[in-house]
């Protein structure tokens, strides 16, 4: 795999900032709401990361990472619409939590894939996208995401956030 360009580093740093600020929001507030500064940072750096991913082309053109970037941008829009309670009434907080929390999963899939396919530099942990190690991380992230979503849904219900 080729070395990362300065733009690739920018993209990576924005993704890391997004994950850290989003994680802080979840830990402190239990859900992501754009009224909180950490959530604003999370959402804005997530958008920057997704848009910059759309600008990174490798051989083969538009790929799975680009599709994930488009889905990420759609999830941000759906989350914002639900945060403003424009469509689903009392279900809005649930759809908002689902949309914004999904962004973590959308960050982690390409992050772990790139990490395992790049490091260590001369002998990466994973040689292909289908490597069992990568697939195990995907499964682990999905399980963590699922548990997190269930926890948020229960928190929303118990705190009557609607």
N, C-alpha and C. Protein backbone atom coordinates (compact mmCIF):
# COMPACT_ATOMS: atom_id res chain seq x y z
N UNK A 1 0.84 -1.17 0.00
CA UNK A 1 0.00 0.00 0.00
C UNK A 1 0.90 1.24 0.00
N UNK A 2 0.55 2.26 -0.79
CA UNK A 2 1.40 3.46 -0.85
C UNK A 2 1.34 4.27 0.44
N UNK A 3 2.35 5.11 0.61
CA UNK A 3 2.37 5.98 1.78
C UNK A 3 1.21 6.97 1.71
N UNK A 4 0.84 7.48 2.87
CA UNK A 4 -0.26 8.44 2.91
C UNK A 4 0.21 9.81 2.46
N UNK A 5 -0.66 10.47 1.74
CA UNK A 5 -0.40 11.84 1.28
C UNK A 5 -0.75 12.80 2.42
N UNK A 6 -0.34 14.07 2.29
CA UNK A 6 -0.76 15.05 3.30
C UNK A 6 -2.29 15.14 3.41
N UNK A 7 -2.99 15.02 2.28
CA UNK A 7 -4.45 15.05 2.31
C UNK A 7 -4.99 13.82 3.05
N UNK A 8 -4.34 12.68 2.86
CA UNK A 8 -4.72 11.47 3.58
C UNK A 8 -4.54 11.63 5.07
N UNK A 9 -3.46 12.29 5.47
CA UNK A 9 -3.23 12.57 6.90
C UNK A 9 -4.31 13.50 7.45
N UNK A 10 -4.65 14.54 6.68
CA UNK A 10 -5.72 15.46 7.08
C UNK A 10 -7.01 14.69 7.30
N UNK A 11 -7.36 13.84 6.35
CA UNK A 11 -8.57 13.01 6.44
C UNK A 11 -8.52 12.14 7.70
N UNK A 12 -7.39 11.52 7.96
CA UNK A 12 -7.23 10.64 9.12
C UNK A 12 -7.35 11.42 10.43
N UNK A 13 -6.71 12.57 10.50
CA UNK A 13 -6.75 13.39 11.71
C UNK A 13 -8.17 13.87 11.99
N UNK A 14 -8.89 14.27 10.95
CA UNK A 14 -10.29 14.69 11.13
C UNK A 14 -11.14 13.53 11.64
N UNK A 15 -10.89 12.33 11.14
CA UNK A 15 -11.61 11.15 11.62
C UNK A 15 -11.33 10.86 13.08
N UNK A 16 -10.08 11.01 13.48
CA UNK A 16 -9.70 10.78 14.89
C UNK A 16 -10.37 11.81 15.79
N UNK A 17 -10.34 13.08 15.37
CA UNK A 17 -10.99 14.14 16.15
C UNK A 17 -12.49 13.84 16.27
N UNK A 18 -13.09 13.38 15.18
CA UNK A 18 -14.52 13.04 15.21
C UNK A 18 -14.79 11.94 16.23
N UNK A 19 -14.01 10.87 16.17
CA UNK A 19 -14.23 9.76 17.11
C UNK A 19 -14.03 10.18 18.55
N UNK A 20 -13.01 10.97 18.83
CA UNK A 20 -12.76 11.41 20.20
C UNK A 20 -13.88 12.32 20.71
N UNK A 21 -14.28 13.28 19.90
CA UNK A 21 -15.33 14.22 20.35
C UNK A 21 -16.68 13.51 20.44
N UNK A 22 -16.96 12.60 19.52
CA UNK A 22 -18.20 11.84 19.59
C UNK A 22 -18.23 10.92 20.80
N UNK A 23 -17.11 10.28 21.07
CA UNK A 23 -17.01 9.41 22.25
C UNK A 23 -17.22 10.20 23.52
N UNK A 24 -16.64 11.39 23.58
CA UNK A 24 -16.83 12.26 24.74
C UNK A 24 -18.31 12.61 24.91
N UNK A 25 -18.97 12.94 23.80
CA UNK A 25 -20.40 13.29 23.84
C UNK A 25 -21.24 12.14 24.39
N UNK A 26 -20.98 10.94 23.89
CA UNK A 26 -21.74 9.78 24.34
C UNK A 26 -21.51 9.52 25.82
N UNK A 27 -20.26 9.58 26.24
CA UNK A 27 -19.94 9.31 27.65
C UNK A 27 -20.57 10.36 28.56
N UNK A 28 -20.47 11.63 28.17
CA UNK A 28 -20.96 12.70 29.04
C UNK A 28 -22.48 12.86 28.99
N UNK A 29 -23.07 12.79 27.78
CA UNK A 29 -24.48 13.13 27.63
C UNK A 29 -25.38 11.93 27.32
N UNK A 30 -24.81 10.77 27.07
CA UNK A 30 -25.52 9.53 26.74
C UNK A 30 -26.04 9.48 25.30
N UNK A 31 -26.34 10.63 24.71
CA UNK A 31 -26.73 10.71 23.31
C UNK A 31 -26.02 11.90 22.67
N UNK A 32 -26.00 11.94 21.36
CA UNK A 32 -25.36 13.04 20.65
C UNK A 32 -26.44 14.04 20.25
N UNK A 33 -26.28 15.26 20.75
CA UNK A 33 -27.18 16.36 20.41
C UNK A 33 -26.34 17.55 19.98
N UNK A 34 -26.65 18.14 18.85
CA UNK A 34 -25.79 19.20 18.31
C UNK A 34 -25.77 20.47 19.15
N UNK A 35 -26.58 20.54 20.20
CA UNK A 35 -26.50 21.69 21.09
C UNK A 35 -25.22 21.66 21.93
N UNK A 36 -24.60 20.50 22.04
CA UNK A 36 -23.36 20.36 22.82
C UNK A 36 -22.15 20.61 21.92
N UNK A 37 -21.17 21.30 22.45
CA UNK A 37 -19.98 21.64 21.68
C UNK A 37 -19.28 20.39 21.17
N UNK A 38 -19.14 19.38 22.01
CA UNK A 38 -18.44 18.16 21.57
C UNK A 38 -19.19 17.48 20.43
N UNK A 39 -20.51 17.53 20.44
CA UNK A 39 -21.30 16.95 19.35
C UNK A 39 -21.16 17.78 18.08
N UNK A 40 -21.09 19.10 18.23
CA UNK A 40 -20.87 19.96 17.05
C UNK A 40 -19.53 19.62 16.40
N UNK A 41 -18.51 19.42 17.22
CA UNK A 41 -17.20 19.04 16.70
C UNK A 41 -17.30 17.67 16.03
N UNK A 42 -17.98 16.72 16.68
CA UNK A 42 -18.15 15.38 16.13
C UNK A 42 -18.82 15.44 14.76
N UNK A 43 -19.94 16.14 14.68
CA UNK A 43 -20.69 16.18 13.43
C UNK A 43 -19.93 16.92 12.33
N UNK A 44 -19.30 18.04 12.66
CA UNK A 44 -18.58 18.79 11.63
C UNK A 44 -17.35 18.03 11.14
N UNK A 45 -16.60 17.42 12.05
CA UNK A 45 -15.42 16.66 11.59
C UNK A 45 -15.82 15.37 10.89
N UNK A 46 -16.98 14.83 11.24
CA UNK A 46 -17.50 13.66 10.51
C UNK A 46 -17.82 14.05 9.07
N UNK A 47 -18.47 15.20 8.89
CA UNK A 47 -18.78 15.67 7.53
C UNK A 47 -17.50 15.93 6.75
N UNK A 48 -16.53 16.58 7.39
CA UNK A 48 -15.24 16.84 6.73
C UNK A 48 -14.58 15.52 6.33
N UNK A 49 -14.60 14.55 7.22
CA UNK A 49 -13.99 13.25 6.94
C UNK A 49 -14.69 12.56 5.77
N UNK A 50 -16.02 12.60 5.76
CA UNK A 50 -16.77 11.95 4.67
C UNK A 50 -16.53 12.65 3.34
N UNK A 51 -16.56 13.97 3.34
CA UNK A 51 -16.32 14.72 2.10
C UNK A 51 -14.90 14.49 1.60
N UNK A 52 -13.94 14.50 2.51
CA UNK A 52 -12.56 14.25 2.09
C UNK A 52 -12.38 12.82 1.58
N UNK A 53 -13.13 11.87 2.14
CA UNK A 53 -13.07 10.48 1.63
C UNK A 53 -13.54 10.42 0.19
N UNK A 54 -14.52 11.24 -0.15
CA UNK A 54 -15.03 11.26 -1.52
C UNK A 54 -13.99 11.83 -2.49
N UNK A 55 -13.03 12.57 -1.97
CA UNK A 55 -11.98 13.16 -2.82
C UNK A 55 -10.76 12.25 -2.96
N UNK A 56 -10.71 11.18 -2.19
CA UNK A 56 -9.56 10.27 -2.24
C UNK A 56 -9.91 9.13 -3.19
N UNK A 57 -9.20 9.09 -4.31
CA UNK A 57 -9.44 8.04 -5.30
C UNK A 57 -8.21 7.16 -5.43
N UNK A 58 -8.47 5.89 -5.47
CA UNK A 58 -7.41 4.91 -5.71
C UNK A 58 -7.77 4.20 -7.00
N UNK A 59 -7.00 3.22 -7.34
CA UNK A 59 -7.33 2.45 -8.53
C UNK A 59 -8.72 1.88 -8.40
N UNK A 60 -9.47 1.94 -9.48
CA UNK A 60 -10.82 1.41 -9.45
C UNK A 60 -11.88 2.48 -9.25
N UNK A 61 -11.48 3.72 -8.96
CA UNK A 61 -12.44 4.81 -8.84
C UNK A 61 -13.32 4.72 -7.61
N UNK A 62 -14.62 4.93 -7.80
CA UNK A 62 -15.59 4.96 -6.72
C UNK A 62 -15.70 3.57 -6.10
N UNK A 63 -15.39 3.48 -4.80
CA UNK A 63 -15.38 2.17 -4.14
C UNK A 63 -16.26 2.14 -2.91
N UNK A 64 -16.10 1.09 -2.13
CA UNK A 64 -16.91 0.89 -0.93
C UNK A 64 -16.71 2.01 0.09
N UNK A 65 -15.49 2.53 0.19
CA UNK A 65 -15.23 3.63 1.13
C UNK A 65 -16.00 4.88 0.71
N UNK A 66 -16.12 5.09 -0.60
CA UNK A 66 -16.87 6.25 -1.09
C UNK A 66 -18.36 6.08 -0.80
N UNK A 67 -18.85 4.87 -0.99
CA UNK A 67 -20.25 4.58 -0.69
C UNK A 67 -20.53 4.80 0.80
N UNK A 68 -19.61 4.37 1.63
CA UNK A 68 -19.75 4.57 3.07
C UNK A 68 -19.74 6.07 3.41
N UNK A 69 -18.95 6.85 2.70
CA UNK A 69 -18.93 8.30 2.91
C UNK A 69 -20.28 8.92 2.57
N UNK A 70 -20.90 8.47 1.48
CA UNK A 70 -22.22 8.97 1.09
C UNK A 70 -23.25 8.59 2.15
N UNK A 71 -23.20 7.35 2.62
CA UNK A 71 -24.13 6.89 3.67
C UNK A 71 -23.91 7.70 4.95
N UNK A 72 -22.67 8.01 5.25
CA UNK A 72 -22.35 8.83 6.42
C UNK A 72 -23.01 10.20 6.31
N UNK A 73 -22.88 10.83 5.16
CA UNK A 73 -23.49 12.15 4.96
C UNK A 73 -25.01 12.07 5.08
N UNK A 74 -25.60 11.02 4.55
CA UNK A 74 -27.05 10.83 4.68
C UNK A 74 -27.45 10.64 6.14
N UNK A 75 -26.66 9.89 6.90
CA UNK A 75 -26.96 9.67 8.32
C UNK A 75 -26.89 10.98 9.11
N UNK A 76 -25.95 11.85 8.75
CA UNK A 76 -25.86 13.16 9.42
C UNK A 76 -27.13 13.96 9.13
N UNK A 77 -27.56 13.98 7.88
CA UNK A 77 -28.77 14.72 7.50
C UNK A 77 -30.00 14.15 8.22
N UNK A 78 -30.15 12.83 8.22
CA UNK A 78 -31.29 12.19 8.90
C UNK A 78 -31.25 12.51 10.39
N UNK A 79 -30.07 12.47 10.99
CA UNK A 79 -29.95 12.80 12.41
C UNK A 79 -30.36 14.23 12.71
N UNK A 80 -29.93 15.15 11.87
CA UNK A 80 -30.28 16.57 12.07
C UNK A 80 -31.77 16.79 11.88
N UNK A 81 -32.35 16.17 10.86
CA UNK A 81 -33.81 16.28 10.64
C UNK A 81 -34.57 15.78 11.87
N UNK A 82 -34.13 14.67 12.42
CA UNK A 82 -34.80 14.11 13.59
C UNK A 82 -34.53 14.92 14.85
N UNK A 83 -33.36 15.52 14.92
CA UNK A 83 -33.08 16.37 16.08
C UNK A 83 -34.02 17.57 16.10
N UNK A 84 -34.38 18.03 14.92
CA UNK A 84 -35.32 19.16 14.82
C UNK A 84 -36.77 18.70 14.88
N UNK A 85 -36.98 17.38 14.99
CA UNK A 85 -38.30 16.77 15.13
C UNK A 85 -39.24 17.14 13.99
N UNK A 86 -38.73 17.02 12.77
CA UNK A 86 -39.49 17.43 11.60
C UNK A 86 -40.39 16.35 11.01
N UNK A 87 -40.13 15.07 11.28
CA UNK A 87 -40.88 14.04 10.57
C UNK A 87 -41.55 13.02 11.49
N UNK A 88 -40.83 12.38 12.37
CA UNK A 88 -41.31 11.17 13.05
C UNK A 88 -41.92 11.39 14.43
N UNK A 89 -42.20 12.62 14.80
CA UNK A 89 -42.86 12.88 16.09
C UNK A 89 -42.08 12.34 17.28
N UNK A 90 -42.76 11.56 18.12
CA UNK A 90 -42.14 11.06 19.36
C UNK A 90 -41.00 10.08 19.10
N UNK A 91 -40.90 9.55 17.89
CA UNK A 91 -39.80 8.63 17.55
C UNK A 91 -38.50 9.36 17.16
N UNK A 92 -38.60 10.67 17.00
CA UNK A 92 -37.42 11.43 16.56
C UNK A 92 -36.16 11.19 17.39
N UNK A 93 -36.23 11.21 18.73
CA UNK A 93 -35.00 10.99 19.49
C UNK A 93 -34.37 9.62 19.20
N UNK A 94 -35.19 8.64 18.93
CA UNK A 94 -34.68 7.30 18.63
C UNK A 94 -33.96 7.28 17.27
N UNK A 95 -34.58 7.91 16.28
CA UNK A 95 -33.96 7.97 14.96
C UNK A 95 -32.70 8.85 14.98
N UNK A 96 -32.74 9.90 15.79
CA UNK A 96 -31.57 10.75 15.94
C UNK A 96 -30.41 9.95 16.53
N UNK A 97 -30.68 9.22 17.60
CA UNK A 97 -29.63 8.40 18.24
C UNK A 97 -29.12 7.34 17.28
N UNK A 98 -30.01 6.70 16.57
CA UNK A 98 -29.62 5.68 15.60
C UNK A 98 -28.73 6.27 14.50
N UNK A 99 -29.14 7.41 13.98
CA UNK A 99 -28.37 8.06 12.91
C UNK A 99 -27.00 8.51 13.38
N UNK A 100 -26.96 9.25 14.47
CA UNK A 100 -25.68 9.80 14.93
C UNK A 100 -24.76 8.71 15.47
N UNK A 101 -25.30 7.70 16.14
CA UNK A 101 -24.45 6.62 16.64
C UNK A 101 -23.92 5.74 15.52
N UNK A 102 -24.68 5.64 14.44
CA UNK A 102 -24.22 4.87 13.28
C UNK A 102 -22.93 5.46 12.71
N UNK A 103 -22.75 6.74 12.92
CA UNK A 103 -21.54 7.40 12.40
C UNK A 103 -20.27 6.78 12.98
N UNK A 104 -20.33 6.32 14.22
CA UNK A 104 -19.17 5.65 14.81
C UNK A 104 -18.81 4.41 14.02
N UNK A 105 -19.82 3.62 13.71
CA UNK A 105 -19.60 2.40 12.93
C UNK A 105 -19.03 2.76 11.56
N UNK A 106 -19.57 3.81 10.95
CA UNK A 106 -19.10 4.23 9.63
C UNK A 106 -17.67 4.77 9.66
N UNK A 107 -17.25 5.29 10.79
CA UNK A 107 -15.85 5.72 10.95
C UNK A 107 -14.94 4.51 11.14
N UNK A 108 -15.38 3.58 11.97
CA UNK A 108 -14.51 2.48 12.38
C UNK A 108 -14.24 1.46 11.28
N UNK A 109 -15.19 1.23 10.40
CA UNK A 109 -14.99 0.24 9.34
C UNK A 109 -13.79 0.59 8.46
N UNK A 110 -13.74 1.78 7.86
CA UNK A 110 -12.56 2.09 7.04
C UNK A 110 -11.30 2.32 7.88
N UNK A 111 -11.47 2.82 9.11
CA UNK A 111 -10.30 3.07 9.96
C UNK A 111 -9.55 1.78 10.27
N UNK A 112 -10.27 0.76 10.70
CA UNK A 112 -9.59 -0.49 11.05
C UNK A 112 -9.05 -1.18 9.81
N UNK A 113 -9.78 -1.06 8.70
CA UNK A 113 -9.32 -1.67 7.46
C UNK A 113 -8.00 -1.05 7.02
N UNK A 114 -7.93 0.27 7.01
CA UNK A 114 -6.68 0.94 6.62
C UNK A 114 -5.56 0.62 7.60
N UNK A 115 -5.87 0.67 8.89
CA UNK A 115 -4.85 0.39 9.90
C UNK A 115 -4.24 -1.00 9.71
N UNK A 116 -5.10 -2.01 9.61
CA UNK A 116 -4.61 -3.38 9.51
C UNK A 116 -3.94 -3.68 8.16
N UNK A 117 -4.29 -2.93 7.13
CA UNK A 117 -3.69 -3.15 5.82
C UNK A 117 -2.42 -2.32 5.61
N UNK A 118 -2.13 -1.36 6.52
CA UNK A 118 -0.94 -0.51 6.39
C UNK A 118 0.16 -0.84 7.41
N UNK A 119 -0.22 -1.36 8.55
CA UNK A 119 0.75 -1.54 9.63
C UNK A 119 0.92 -3.00 10.04
N UNK A 120 2.07 -3.38 10.49
CA UNK A 120 3.35 -2.69 10.36
C UNK A 120 3.70 -2.48 8.88
N UNK A 121 4.48 -1.47 8.64
CA UNK A 121 4.73 -1.00 7.28
C UNK A 121 5.20 -2.09 6.33
N UNK A 122 6.13 -2.90 6.69
CA UNK A 122 6.67 -3.90 5.77
C UNK A 122 5.95 -5.25 5.81
N UNK A 123 5.10 -5.44 6.80
CA UNK A 123 4.38 -6.71 6.92
C UNK A 123 3.03 -6.48 7.59
N UNK A 124 2.07 -5.91 6.86
CA UNK A 124 0.77 -5.56 7.46
C UNK A 124 0.06 -6.76 8.08
N UNK A 125 -0.73 -6.47 9.10
CA UNK A 125 -1.50 -7.50 9.79
C UNK A 125 -2.45 -8.21 8.83
N UNK A 126 -3.04 -7.47 7.90
CA UNK A 126 -4.01 -8.04 6.96
C UNK A 126 -3.56 -7.76 5.53
N UNK A 127 -3.71 -8.74 4.68
CA UNK A 127 -3.28 -8.60 3.29
C UNK A 127 -4.43 -8.21 2.36
N UNK A 128 -5.67 -8.49 2.77
CA UNK A 128 -6.81 -8.19 1.89
C UNK A 128 -8.01 -7.74 2.73
N UNK A 129 -9.02 -7.25 2.03
CA UNK A 129 -10.25 -6.81 2.70
C UNK A 129 -11.00 -7.98 3.32
N UNK A 130 -10.78 -9.18 2.80
CA UNK A 130 -11.48 -10.37 3.29
C UNK A 130 -10.72 -11.10 4.39
N UNK A 131 -9.62 -10.53 4.84
CA UNK A 131 -8.81 -11.16 5.88
C UNK A 131 -9.68 -11.43 7.11
N UNK A 132 -9.59 -12.61 7.70
CA UNK A 132 -10.41 -12.94 8.88
C UNK A 132 -10.23 -11.95 10.04
N UNK A 133 -9.04 -11.40 10.20
CA UNK A 133 -8.81 -10.42 11.27
C UNK A 133 -9.68 -9.19 11.06
N UNK A 134 -9.73 -8.69 9.84
CA UNK A 134 -10.57 -7.53 9.54
C UNK A 134 -12.04 -7.86 9.79
N UNK A 135 -12.46 -9.01 9.32
CA UNK A 135 -13.86 -9.41 9.49
C UNK A 135 -14.23 -9.55 10.97
N UNK A 136 -13.29 -10.02 11.79
CA UNK A 136 -13.55 -10.13 13.24
C UNK A 136 -13.71 -8.74 13.87
N UNK A 137 -12.91 -7.78 13.41
CA UNK A 137 -13.07 -6.42 13.92
C UNK A 137 -14.42 -5.85 13.51
N UNK A 138 -14.84 -6.08 12.26
CA UNK A 138 -16.16 -5.62 11.82
C UNK A 138 -17.25 -6.18 12.71
N UNK A 139 -17.17 -7.45 13.00
CA UNK A 139 -18.16 -8.09 13.86
C UNK A 139 -18.14 -7.49 15.26
N UNK A 140 -16.95 -7.29 15.81
CA UNK A 140 -16.82 -6.70 17.14
C UNK A 140 -17.40 -5.29 17.17
N UNK A 141 -17.10 -4.49 16.14
CA UNK A 141 -17.64 -3.13 16.09
C UNK A 141 -19.16 -3.15 15.99
N UNK A 142 -19.70 -4.08 15.21
CA UNK A 142 -21.15 -4.16 15.08
C UNK A 142 -21.80 -4.54 16.40
N UNK A 143 -21.21 -5.47 17.12
CA UNK A 143 -21.75 -5.88 18.42
C UNK A 143 -21.72 -4.71 19.40
N UNK A 144 -20.61 -4.00 19.44
CA UNK A 144 -20.49 -2.83 20.33
C UNK A 144 -21.52 -1.77 19.93
N UNK A 145 -21.66 -1.54 18.64
CA UNK A 145 -22.65 -0.58 18.13
C UNK A 145 -24.06 -0.99 18.56
N UNK A 146 -24.39 -2.25 18.38
CA UNK A 146 -25.72 -2.76 18.70
C UNK A 146 -26.01 -2.59 20.20
N UNK A 147 -25.05 -2.95 21.03
CA UNK A 147 -25.21 -2.78 22.48
C UNK A 147 -25.37 -1.30 22.83
N UNK A 148 -24.57 -0.45 22.18
CA UNK A 148 -24.67 1.00 22.42
C UNK A 148 -26.01 1.56 22.03
N UNK A 149 -26.53 1.13 20.88
CA UNK A 149 -27.84 1.61 20.43
C UNK A 149 -28.94 1.18 21.39
N UNK A 150 -28.91 -0.08 21.81
CA UNK A 150 -29.91 -0.56 22.76
C UNK A 150 -29.84 0.26 24.05
N UNK A 151 -28.63 0.52 24.53
CA UNK A 151 -28.45 1.32 25.75
C UNK A 151 -29.02 2.73 25.56
N UNK A 152 -28.76 3.33 24.42
CA UNK A 152 -29.28 4.67 24.17
C UNK A 152 -30.81 4.67 24.09
N UNK A 153 -31.36 3.68 23.43
CA UNK A 153 -32.83 3.60 23.31
C UNK A 153 -33.47 3.49 24.71
N UNK A 154 -32.88 2.68 25.55
CA UNK A 154 -33.39 2.54 26.92
C UNK A 154 -33.23 3.86 27.68
N UNK A 155 -32.09 4.53 27.50
CA UNK A 155 -31.86 5.80 28.18
C UNK A 155 -32.89 6.83 27.72
N UNK A 156 -33.14 6.90 26.42
CA UNK A 156 -34.13 7.85 25.88
C UNK A 156 -35.50 7.56 26.48
N UNK A 157 -35.89 6.30 26.50
CA UNK A 157 -37.19 5.91 27.04
C UNK A 157 -37.29 6.26 28.53
N UNK A 158 -36.26 5.95 29.30
CA UNK A 158 -36.28 6.19 30.75
C UNK A 158 -36.21 7.67 31.10
N UNK A 159 -35.65 8.47 30.21
CA UNK A 159 -35.52 9.91 30.48
C UNK A 159 -36.53 10.74 29.69
N UNK A 160 -37.44 10.07 29.04
CA UNK A 160 -38.50 10.72 28.27
C UNK A 160 -37.99 11.88 27.44
N UNK A 161 -37.03 11.56 26.58
CA UNK A 161 -36.43 12.58 25.70
C UNK A 161 -37.28 12.67 24.44
N UNK A 162 -38.46 13.24 24.56
CA UNK A 162 -39.33 13.48 23.38
C UNK A 162 -40.36 14.50 23.65
